[in-house]
């Protein structure tokens, strides 16, 4: 399994573990899931704001960004200094 596939699987497990709560609280919002810390780091309405806040709060971590609910749009974010 490639690194990107492992990353996607990890993100899906984290989302599924919190799906009911996050969909109740943040339906339609964009969230950044911190793969390294296994939790939610940022929530907002705009991808740029959510990703910037996540990178500022947790430099060096890997993030999976998606819209909460049905029809998610997704993105993988890695900080430049991630080893």
Protein backbone atom coordinates (compact mmCIF):
# COMPACT_ATOMS: atom_id res chain seq x y z
CA UNK A 1 0.00 0.00 0.00
CA UNK A 2 1.39 3.40 -0.96
CA UNK A 3 1.92 6.21 1.55
CA UNK A 4 -0.97 8.21 0.13
CA UNK A 5 -3.29 5.20 0.46
CA UNK A 6 -2.21 4.68 4.08
CA UNK A 7 -2.79 8.38 4.71
CA UNK A 8 -6.31 8.17 3.27
CA UNK A 9 -7.11 5.07 5.32
CA UNK A 10 -5.89 6.74 8.54
CA UNK A 11 -7.99 9.83 7.81
CA UNK A 12 -11.06 7.74 7.07
CA UNK A 13 -10.69 5.83 10.36
CA UNK A 14 -10.43 9.07 12.33
CA UNK A 15 -13.42 10.60 10.53
CA UNK A 16 -15.55 7.47 10.96
CA UNK A 17 -14.74 7.34 14.69
CA UNK A 18 -16.11 10.88 15.10
CA UNK A 19 -18.59 10.97 12.20
CA UNK A 20 -21.81 11.20 14.19
CA UNK A 21 -20.56 14.03 16.43
CA UNK A 22 -18.82 16.00 13.66
CA UNK A 23 -21.77 15.74 11.27
CA UNK A 24 -24.09 16.99 13.99
CA UNK A 25 -21.81 19.91 14.92
CA UNK A 26 -20.11 20.81 11.63
CA UNK A 27 -22.30 19.61 8.76
CA UNK A 28 -21.35 21.47 5.57
CA UNK A 29 -18.20 22.97 7.13
CA UNK A 30 -14.64 22.23 6.09
CA UNK A 31 -12.50 20.46 8.69
CA UNK A 32 -8.80 19.67 9.01
CA UNK A 33 -8.07 16.31 10.61
CA UNK A 34 -4.62 16.01 12.19
CA UNK A 35 -3.44 12.56 11.15
CA UNK A 36 -0.49 12.63 13.56
CA UNK A 37 -2.60 13.55 16.61
CA UNK A 38 -5.74 11.64 15.53
CA UNK A 39 -8.08 14.56 16.07
CA UNK A 40 -9.75 17.63 14.62
CA UNK A 41 -7.57 20.72 14.47
CA UNK A 42 -9.55 23.31 12.52
CA UNK A 43 -13.10 24.05 11.30
CA UNK A 44 -14.34 26.75 8.96
CA UNK A 45 -16.11 27.76 5.78
CA UNK A 46 -13.08 28.26 3.51
CA UNK A 47 -10.31 25.81 2.63
CA UNK A 48 -7.61 28.47 2.81
CA UNK A 49 -8.58 29.58 6.33
CA UNK A 50 -8.91 26.02 7.66
CA UNK A 51 -5.58 24.86 6.24
CA UNK A 52 -3.72 28.00 7.36
CA UNK A 53 -5.03 27.69 10.92
CA UNK A 54 -4.14 23.98 11.05
CA UNK A 55 -0.59 24.61 9.83
CA UNK A 56 -0.08 27.45 12.31
CA UNK A 57 -1.41 25.48 15.28
CA UNK A 58 0.46 22.25 14.52
CA UNK A 59 3.55 22.83 12.41
CA UNK A 60 5.04 19.68 10.94
CA UNK A 61 1.85 17.61 11.19
CA UNK A 62 -0.02 15.97 8.31
CA UNK A 63 -3.60 17.05 7.68
CA UNK A 64 -6.54 15.65 5.78
CA UNK A 65 -9.04 18.36 4.86
CA UNK A 66 -12.61 17.55 3.88
CA UNK A 67 -16.12 18.89 3.92
CA UNK A 68 -18.29 17.32 6.62
CA UNK A 69 -21.34 15.36 5.49
CA UNK A 70 -22.29 13.81 2.17
CA UNK A 71 -20.29 14.85 -0.92
CA UNK A 72 -16.95 15.62 0.74
CA UNK A 73 -14.22 17.38 -1.16
CA UNK A 74 -10.84 16.33 0.14
CA UNK A 75 -7.22 17.44 0.22
CA UNK A 76 -4.03 16.10 1.77
CA UNK A 77 -1.77 18.71 3.34
CA UNK A 78 1.78 18.20 4.51
CA UNK A 79 3.95 20.93 5.92
CA UNK A 80 7.21 21.51 4.11
CA UNK A 81 9.20 20.62 7.21
CA UNK A 82 7.47 17.27 7.70
CA UNK A 83 10.03 14.47 7.74
